[in-house]
Amino acid sequence: MLSYINKKIEEPISEAWKSTLFHEIFSKVSEPRRTSKGNFRHQLHNILLLVLFAVLCGMDEWEEIEDFGIEQQH
């Protein structure tokens, strides 16, 4: 599932993603960011998934979560 983290925001959501429990739960979360303007690199569900995985792996500081995300890109 980590492959979803690296997708750009303009990419459509795949059918495989739509069938996951995570999508079912978190697709109901409203996008708090201004979507008409701005430089969005990641969809909100990707960010939530990254944070979830990082916390499950023992990260509890934002810097650790960021480092975890960067490590997953390689």
PDB file of N, CA and C in Angstrom:
ATOM      1  N   MET A   1       0.803  -1.208   0.000  1.00  0.00           N
ATOM      2  CA  MET A   1       0.000   0.000   0.000  1.00  0.00           C
ATOM      3  C   MET A   1       0.840   1.264   0.000  1.00  0.00           C
ATOM      4  N   LEU A   2       2.104   1.185   0.354  1.00  0.00           N
ATOM      5  CA  LEU A   2       2.928   2.378   0.378  1.00  0.00           C
ATOM      6  C   LEU A   2       3.099   2.990  -1.003  1.00  0.00           C
ATOM      7  N   SER A   3       2.844   2.236  -2.044  1.00  0.00           N
ATOM      8  CA  SER A   3       2.979   2.792  -3.388  1.00  0.00           C
ATOM      9  C   SER A   3       2.007   3.946  -3.610  1.00  0.00           C
ATOM     10  N   TYR A   4       0.916   4.002  -2.872  1.00  0.00           N
ATOM     11  CA  TYR A   4      -0.037   5.102  -3.014  1.00  0.00           C
ATOM     12  C   TYR A   4       0.534   6.411  -2.504  1.00  0.00           C
ATOM     13  N   ILE A   5       1.469   6.359  -1.590  1.00  0.00           N
ATOM     14  CA  ILE A   5       2.020   7.572  -0.989  1.00  0.00           C
ATOM     15  C   ILE A   5       2.733   8.428  -2.018  1.00  0.00           C
ATOM     16  N   ASN A   6       3.396   7.820  -2.965  1.00  0.00           N
ATOM     17  CA  ASN A   6       4.230   8.551  -3.896  1.00  0.00           C
ATOM     18  C   ASN A   6       3.509   9.069  -5.129  1.00  0.00           C
ATOM     19  N   LYS A   7       2.238   8.805  -5.276  1.00  0.00           N
ATOM     20  CA  LYS A   7       1.514   9.264  -6.456  1.00  0.00           C
ATOM     21  C   LYS A   7       1.230  10.758  -6.352  1.00  0.00           C
ATOM     22  N   LYS A   8       1.266  11.424  -7.475  1.00  0.00           N
ATOM     23  CA  LYS A   8       0.982  12.855  -7.522  1.00  0.00           C
ATOM     24  C   LYS A   8      -0.523  13.076  -7.415  1.00  0.00           C
ATOM     25  N   ILE A   9      -0.927  14.254  -6.982  1.00  0.00           N
ATOM     26  CA  ILE A   9      -2.342  14.539  -6.739  1.00  0.00           C
ATOM     27  C   ILE A   9      -3.171  14.502  -8.021  1.00  0.00           C
ATOM     28  N   GLU A  10      -2.588  14.798  -9.158  1.00  0.00           N
ATOM     29  CA  GLU A  10      -3.384  14.830 -10.381  1.00  0.00           C
ATOM     30  C   GLU A  10      -3.687  13.446 -10.925  1.00  0.00           C
ATOM     31  N   GLU A  11      -3.054  12.412 -10.405  1.00  0.00           N
ATOM     32  CA  GLU A  11      -3.312  11.063 -10.886  1.00  0.00           C
ATOM     33  C   GLU A  11      -4.657  10.571 -10.374  1.00  0.00           C
ATOM     34  N   PRO A  12      -5.417   9.877 -11.223  1.00  0.00           N
ATOM     35  CA  PRO A  12      -6.712   9.366 -10.775  1.00  0.00           C
ATOM     36  C   PRO A  12      -6.534   8.248  -9.745  1.00  0.00           C
ATOM     37  N   ILE A  13      -7.521   8.080  -8.911  1.00  0.00           N
ATOM     38  CA  ILE A  13      -7.496   7.022  -7.911  1.00  0.00           C
ATOM     39  C   ILE A  13      -7.807   5.701  -8.606  1.00  0.00           C
ATOM     40  N   SER A  14      -6.965   4.708  -8.387  1.00  0.00           N
ATOM     41  CA  SER A  14      -7.153   3.417  -9.051  1.00  0.00           C
ATOM     42  C   SER A  14      -8.326   2.663  -8.438  1.00  0.00           C
ATOM     43  N   GLU A  15      -8.830   1.718  -9.195  1.00  0.00           N
ATOM     44  CA  GLU A  15      -9.935   0.885  -8.703  1.00  0.00           C
ATOM     45  C   GLU A  15      -9.483   0.044  -7.511  1.00  0.00           C
ATOM     46  N   ALA A  16      -8.213  -0.386  -7.499  1.00  0.00           N
ATOM     47  CA  ALA A  16      -7.697  -1.168  -6.367  1.00  0.00           C
ATOM     48  C   ALA A  16      -7.753  -0.345  -5.091  1.00  0.00           C
ATOM     49  N   TRP A  17      -7.400   0.939  -5.194  1.00  0.00           N
ATOM     50  CA  TRP A  17      -7.438   1.812  -4.006  1.00  0.00           C
ATOM     51  C   TRP A  17      -8.870   1.991  -3.524  1.00  0.00           C
ATOM     52  N   LYS A  18      -9.801   2.160  -4.435  1.00  0.00           N
ATOM     53  CA  LYS A  18     -11.192   2.403  -4.068  1.00  0.00           C
ATOM     54  C   LYS A  18     -11.804   1.221  -3.323  1.00  0.00           C
ATOM     55  N   SER A  19     -11.241   0.041  -3.500  1.00  0.00           N
ATOM     56  CA  SER A  19     -11.806  -1.140  -2.850  1.00  0.00           C
ATOM     57  C   SER A  19     -11.217  -1.398  -1.464  1.00  0.00           C
ATOM     58  N   THR A  20     -10.318  -0.537  -0.978  1.00  0.00           N
ATOM     59  CA  THR A  20      -9.696  -0.771   0.327  1.00  0.00           C
ATOM     60  C   THR A  20     -10.552  -0.211   1.455  1.00  0.00           C
ATOM     61  N   LEU A  21     -10.409  -0.800   2.617  1.00  0.00           N
ATOM     62  CA  LEU A  21     -11.111  -0.318   3.807  1.00  0.00           C
ATOM     63  C   LEU A  21     -10.642   1.087   4.166  1.00  0.00           C
ATOM     64  N   PHE A  22      -9.343   1.331   3.998  1.00  0.00           N
ATOM     65  CA  PHE A  22      -8.805   2.661   4.288  1.00  0.00           C
ATOM     66  C   PHE A  22      -9.524   3.719   3.463  1.00  0.00           C
ATOM     67  N   HIS A  23      -9.700   3.466   2.166  1.00  0.00           N
ATOM     68  CA  HIS A  23     -10.396   4.430   1.308  1.00  0.00           C
ATOM     69  C   HIS A  23     -11.831   4.623   1.764  1.00  0.00           C
ATOM     70  N   GLU A  24     -12.479   3.537   2.124  1.00  0.00           N
ATOM     71  CA  GLU A  24     -13.869   3.618   2.575  1.00  0.00           C
ATOM     72  C   GLU A  24     -14.005   4.527   3.797  1.00  0.00           C
ATOM     73  N   ILE A  25     -13.064   4.406   4.716  1.00  0.00           N
ATOM     74  CA  ILE A  25     -13.123   5.193   5.953  1.00  0.00           C
ATOM     75  C   ILE A  25     -12.684   6.635   5.727  1.00  0.00           C
ATOM     76  N   PHE A  26     -11.510   6.824   5.103  1.00  0.00           N
ATOM     77  CA  PHE A  26     -10.926   8.151   5.015  1.00  0.00           C
ATOM     78  C   PHE A  26     -11.411   8.977   3.831  1.00  0.00           C
ATOM     79  N   SER A  27     -12.141   8.400   2.907  1.00  0.00           N
ATOM     80  CA  SER A  27     -12.680   9.201   1.814  1.00  0.00           C
ATOM     81  C   SER A  27     -13.770  10.147   2.310  1.00  0.00           C
ATOM     82  N   LYS A  28     -14.260   9.902   3.506  1.00  0.00           N
ATOM     83  CA  LYS A  28     -15.286  10.766   4.088  1.00  0.00           C
ATOM     84  C   LYS A  28     -14.691  12.006   4.763  1.00  0.00           C
ATOM     85  N   VAL A  29     -13.358  12.036   4.911  1.00  0.00           N
ATOM     86  CA  VAL A  29     -12.685  13.181   5.518  1.00  0.00           C
ATOM     87  C   VAL A  29     -12.659  14.305   4.489  1.00  0.00           C
ATOM     88  N   SER A  30     -13.134  15.483   4.876  1.00  0.00           N
ATOM     89  CA  SER A  30     -13.152  16.601   3.933  1.00  0.00           C
ATOM     90  C   SER A  30     -11.749  17.184   3.791  1.00  0.00           C
ATOM     91  N   GLU A  31     -11.460  17.685   2.614  1.00  0.00           N
ATOM     92  CA  GLU A  31     -10.161  18.283   2.304  1.00  0.00           C
ATOM     93  C   GLU A  31     -10.106  19.681   2.912  1.00  0.00           C
ATOM     94  N   PRO A  32      -9.282  19.896   3.950  1.00  0.00           N
ATOM     95  CA  PRO A  32      -9.245  21.206   4.595  1.00  0.00           C
ATOM     96  C   PRO A  32      -8.391  22.226   3.850  1.00  0.00           C
ATOM     97  N   ARG A  33      -7.603  21.755   2.896  1.00  0.00           N
ATOM     98  CA  ARG A  33      -6.717  22.668   2.182  1.00  0.00           C
ATOM     99  C   ARG A  33      -7.462  23.362   1.052  1.00  0.00           C
ATOM    100  N   ARG A  34      -6.990  24.514   0.682  1.00  0.00           N
ATOM    101  CA  ARG A  34      -7.563  25.271  -0.427  1.00  0.00           C
ATOM    102  C   ARG A  34      -7.174  24.551  -1.715  1.00  0.00           C
ATOM    103  N   THR A  35      -8.123  23.969  -2.402  1.00  0.00           N
ATOM    104  CA  THR A  35      -7.814  23.141  -3.571  1.00  0.00           C
ATOM    105  C   THR A  35      -7.803  23.923  -4.879  1.00  0.00           C
ATOM    106  N   SER A  36      -8.357  25.118  -4.902  1.00  0.00           N
ATOM    107  CA  SER A  36      -8.384  25.885  -6.144  1.00  0.00           C
ATOM    108  C   SER A  36      -7.049  26.562  -6.428  1.00  0.00           C
ATOM    109  N   LYS A  37      -6.254  26.782  -5.399  1.00  0.00           N
ATOM    110  CA  LYS A  37      -4.933  27.382  -5.560  1.00  0.00           C
ATOM    111  C   LYS A  37      -3.958  26.604  -4.693  1.00  0.00           C
ATOM    112  N   GLY A  38      -2.719  26.672  -5.050  1.00  0.00           N
ATOM    113  CA  GLY A  38      -1.712  26.023  -4.215  1.00  0.00           C
ATOM    114  C   GLY A  38      -0.950  24.952  -4.959  1.00  0.00           C
ATOM    115  N   ASN A  39       0.094  24.512  -4.346  1.00  0.00           N
ATOM    116  CA  ASN A  39       0.963  23.510  -4.935  1.00  0.00           C
ATOM    117  C   ASN A  39       0.795  22.206  -4.162  1.00  0.00           C
ATOM    118  N   PHE A  40      -0.153  21.392  -4.573  1.00  0.00           N
ATOM    119  CA  PHE A  40      -0.404  20.131  -3.895  1.00  0.00           C
ATOM    120  C   PHE A  40       0.360  19.019  -4.596  1.00  0.00           C
ATOM    121  N   ARG A  41       1.215  18.341  -3.855  1.00  0.00           N
ATOM    122  CA  ARG A  41       1.962  17.223  -4.415  1.00  0.00           C
ATOM    123  C   ARG A  41       1.296  15.900  -4.083  1.00  0.00           C
ATOM    124  N   HIS A  42       0.502  15.863  -3.022  1.00  0.00           N
ATOM    125  CA  HIS A  42      -0.070  14.601  -2.567  1.00  0.00           C
ATOM    126  C   HIS A  42      -1.528  14.786  -2.179  1.00  0.00           C
ATOM    127  N   GLN A  43      -2.308  13.767  -2.470  1.00  0.00           N
ATOM    128  CA  GLN A  43      -3.704  13.790  -2.060  1.00  0.00           C
ATOM    129  C   GLN A  43      -3.782  13.561  -0.556  1.00  0.00           C
ATOM    130  N   LEU A  44      -4.853  14.052   0.049  1.00  0.00           N
ATOM    131  CA  LEU A  44      -5.018  13.948   1.484  1.00  0.00           C
ATOM    132  C   LEU A  44      -4.973  12.505   1.958  1.00  0.00           C
ATOM    133  N   HIS A  45      -5.602  11.578   1.236  1.00  0.00           N
ATOM    134  CA  HIS A  45      -5.599  10.190   1.687  1.00  0.00           C
ATOM    135  C   HIS A  45      -4.185   9.607   1.688  1.00  0.00           C
ATOM    136  N   ASN A  46      -3.306  10.091   0.800  1.00  0.00           N
ATOM    137  CA  ASN A  46      -1.916   9.638   0.806  1.00  0.00           C
ATOM    138  C   ASN A  46      -1.185  10.099   2.059  1.00  0.00           C
ATOM    139  N   ILE A  47      -1.441  11.325   2.457  1.00  0.00           N
ATOM    140  CA  ILE A  47      -0.819  11.868   3.665  1.00  0.00           C
ATOM    141  C   ILE A  47      -1.311  11.106   4.890  1.00  0.00           C
ATOM    142  N   LEU A  48      -2.602  10.867   4.968  1.00  0.00           N
ATOM    143  CA  LEU A  48      -3.158  10.130   6.102  1.00  0.00           C
ATOM    144  C   LEU A  48      -2.602   8.714   6.183  1.00  0.00           C
ATOM    145  N   LEU A  49      -2.453   8.083   5.036  1.00  0.00           N
ATOM    146  CA  LEU A  49      -1.905   6.727   4.998  1.00  0.00           C
ATOM    147  C   LEU A  49      -0.456   6.714   5.462  1.00  0.00           C
ATOM    148  N   LEU A  50       0.325   7.676   5.024  1.00  0.00           N
ATOM    149  CA  LEU A  50       1.720   7.789   5.457  1.00  0.00           C
ATOM    150  C   LEU A  50       1.797   7.946   6.970  1.00  0.00           C
ATOM    151  N   VAL A  51       0.997   8.837   7.522  1.00  0.00           N
ATOM    152  CA  VAL A  51       1.009   9.071   8.968  1.00  0.00           C
ATOM    153  C   VAL A  51       0.588   7.812   9.716  1.00  0.00           C
ATOM    154  N   LEU A  52      -0.433   7.128   9.232  1.00  0.00           N
ATOM    155  CA  LEU A  52      -0.885   5.898   9.868  1.00  0.00           C
ATOM    156  C   LEU A  52       0.231   4.860   9.912  1.00  0.00           C
ATOM    157  N   PHE A  53       0.880   4.619   8.771  1.00  0.00           N
ATOM    158  CA  PHE A  53       1.959   3.636   8.722  1.00  0.00           C
ATOM    159  C   PHE A  53       3.127   4.047   9.606  1.00  0.00           C
ATOM    160  N   ALA A  54       3.474   5.320   9.586  1.00  0.00           N
ATOM    161  CA  ALA A  54       4.598   5.794  10.400  1.00  0.00           C
ATOM    162  C   ALA A  54       4.317   5.592  11.891  1.00  0.00           C
ATOM    163  N   VAL A  55       3.120   5.918  12.318  1.00  0.00           N
ATOM    164  CA  VAL A  55       2.762   5.745  13.733  1.00  0.00           C
ATOM    165  C   VAL A  55       2.751   4.266  14.101  1.00  0.00           C
ATOM    166  N   LEU A  56       2.238   3.423  13.219  1.00  0.00           N
ATOM    167  CA  LEU A  56       2.254   1.983  13.482  1.00  0.00           C
ATOM    168  C   LEU A  56       3.680   1.440  13.577  1.00  0.00           C
ATOM    169  N   CYS A  57       4.608   2.106  12.917  1.00  0.00           N
ATOM    170  CA  CYS A  57       6.015   1.698  12.961  1.00  0.00           C
ATOM    171  C   CYS A  57       6.778   2.365  14.102  1.00  0.00           C
ATOM    172  N   GLY A  58       6.064   3.084  14.964  1.00  0.00           N
ATOM    173  CA  GLY A  58       6.689   3.632  16.163  1.00  0.00           C
ATOM    174  C   GLY A  58       7.112   5.084  16.092  1.00  0.00           C
ATOM    175  N   MET A  59       6.809   5.772  15.014  1.00  0.00           N
ATOM    176  CA  MET A  59       7.164   7.188  14.914  1.00  0.00           C
ATOM    177  C   MET A  59       6.143   8.000  15.704  1.00  0.00           C
ATOM    178  N   ASP A  60       6.628   8.954  16.483  1.00  0.00           N
ATOM    179  CA  ASP A  60       5.686   9.767  17.248  1.00  0.00           C
ATOM    180  C   ASP A  60       5.995  11.260  17.212  1.00  0.00           C
ATOM    181  N   GLU A  61       6.928  11.665  16.397  1.00  0.00           N
ATOM    182  CA  GLU A  61       7.231  13.079  16.190  1.00  0.00           C
ATOM    183  C   GLU A  61       7.083  13.382  14.706  1.00  0.00           C
ATOM    184  N   TRP A  62       6.677  14.627  14.367  1.00  0.00           N
ATOM    185  CA  TRP A  62       6.472  14.982  12.971  1.00  0.00           C
ATOM    186  C   TRP A  62       7.743  14.816  12.142  1.00  0.00           C
ATOM    187  N   GLU A  63       8.892  15.121  12.746  1.00  0.00           N
ATOM    188  CA  GLU A  63      10.157  14.958  12.018  1.00  0.00           C
ATOM    189  C   GLU A  63      10.406  13.488  11.688  1.00  0.00           C
ATOM    190  N   GLU A  64      10.069  12.600  12.614  1.00  0.00           N
ATOM    191  CA  GLU A  64      10.223  11.164  12.373  1.00  0.00           C
ATOM    192  C   GLU A  64       9.269  10.695  11.270  1.00  0.00           C
ATOM    193  N   ILE A  65       8.065  11.210  11.286  1.00  0.00           N
ATOM    194  CA  ILE A  65       7.086  10.851  10.252  1.00  0.00           C
ATOM    195  C   ILE A  65       7.563  11.338   8.890  1.00  0.00           C
ATOM    196  N   GLU A  66       8.106  12.539   8.845  1.00  0.00           N
ATOM    197  CA  GLU A  66       8.644  13.060   7.591  1.00  0.00           C
ATOM    198  C   GLU A  66       9.805  12.188   7.101  1.00  0.00           C
ATOM    199  N   ASP A  67      10.725  11.850   7.992  1.00  0.00           N
ATOM    200  CA  ASP A  67      11.859  10.990   7.624  1.00  0.00           C
ATOM    201  C   ASP A  67      11.369   9.631   7.136  1.00  0.00           C
ATOM    202  N   PHE A  68      10.359   9.096   7.789  1.00  0.00           N
ATOM    203  CA  PHE A  68       9.768   7.812   7.382  1.00  0.00           C
ATOM    204  C   PHE A  68       9.240   7.907   5.955  1.00  0.00           C
ATOM    205  N   GLY A  69       8.527   8.975   5.659  1.00  0.00           N
ATOM    206  CA  GLY A  69       7.981   9.176   4.313  1.00  0.00           C
ATOM    207  C   GLY A  69       9.074   9.293   3.262  1.00  0.00           C
ATOM    208  N   ILE A  70      10.118  10.019   3.585  1.00  0.00           N
ATOM    209  CA  ILE A  70      11.234  10.181   2.653  1.00  0.00           C
ATOM    210  C   ILE A  70      11.907   8.838   2.409  1.00  0.00           C
ATOM    211  N   GLU A  71      12.094   8.047   3.456  1.00  0.00           N
ATOM    212  CA  GLU A  71      12.711   6.734   3.319  1.00  0.00           C
ATOM    213  C   GLU A  71      11.876   5.807   2.440  1.00  0.00           C
ATOM    214  N   GLN A  72      10.565   5.925   2.476  1.00  0.00           N
ATOM    215  CA  GLN A  72       9.687   5.059   1.687  1.00  0.00           C
ATOM    216  C   GLN A  72       9.743   5.385   0.201  1.00  0.00           C
ATOM    217  N   GLN A  73      10.234   6.553  -0.156  1.00  0.00           N
ATOM    218  CA  GLN A  73      10.328   6.932  -1.563  1.00  0.00           C
ATOM    219  C   GLN A  73      11.495   6.253  -2.261  1.00  0.00           C
ATOM    220  N   HIS A  74      12.435   5.736  -1.501  1.00  0.00           N
ATOM    221  CA  HIS A  74      13.644   5.138  -2.095  1.00  0.00           C
ATOM    222  C   HIS A  74      13.535   3.648  -2.189  1.00  0.00           C
TER     223      HIS A  74
END
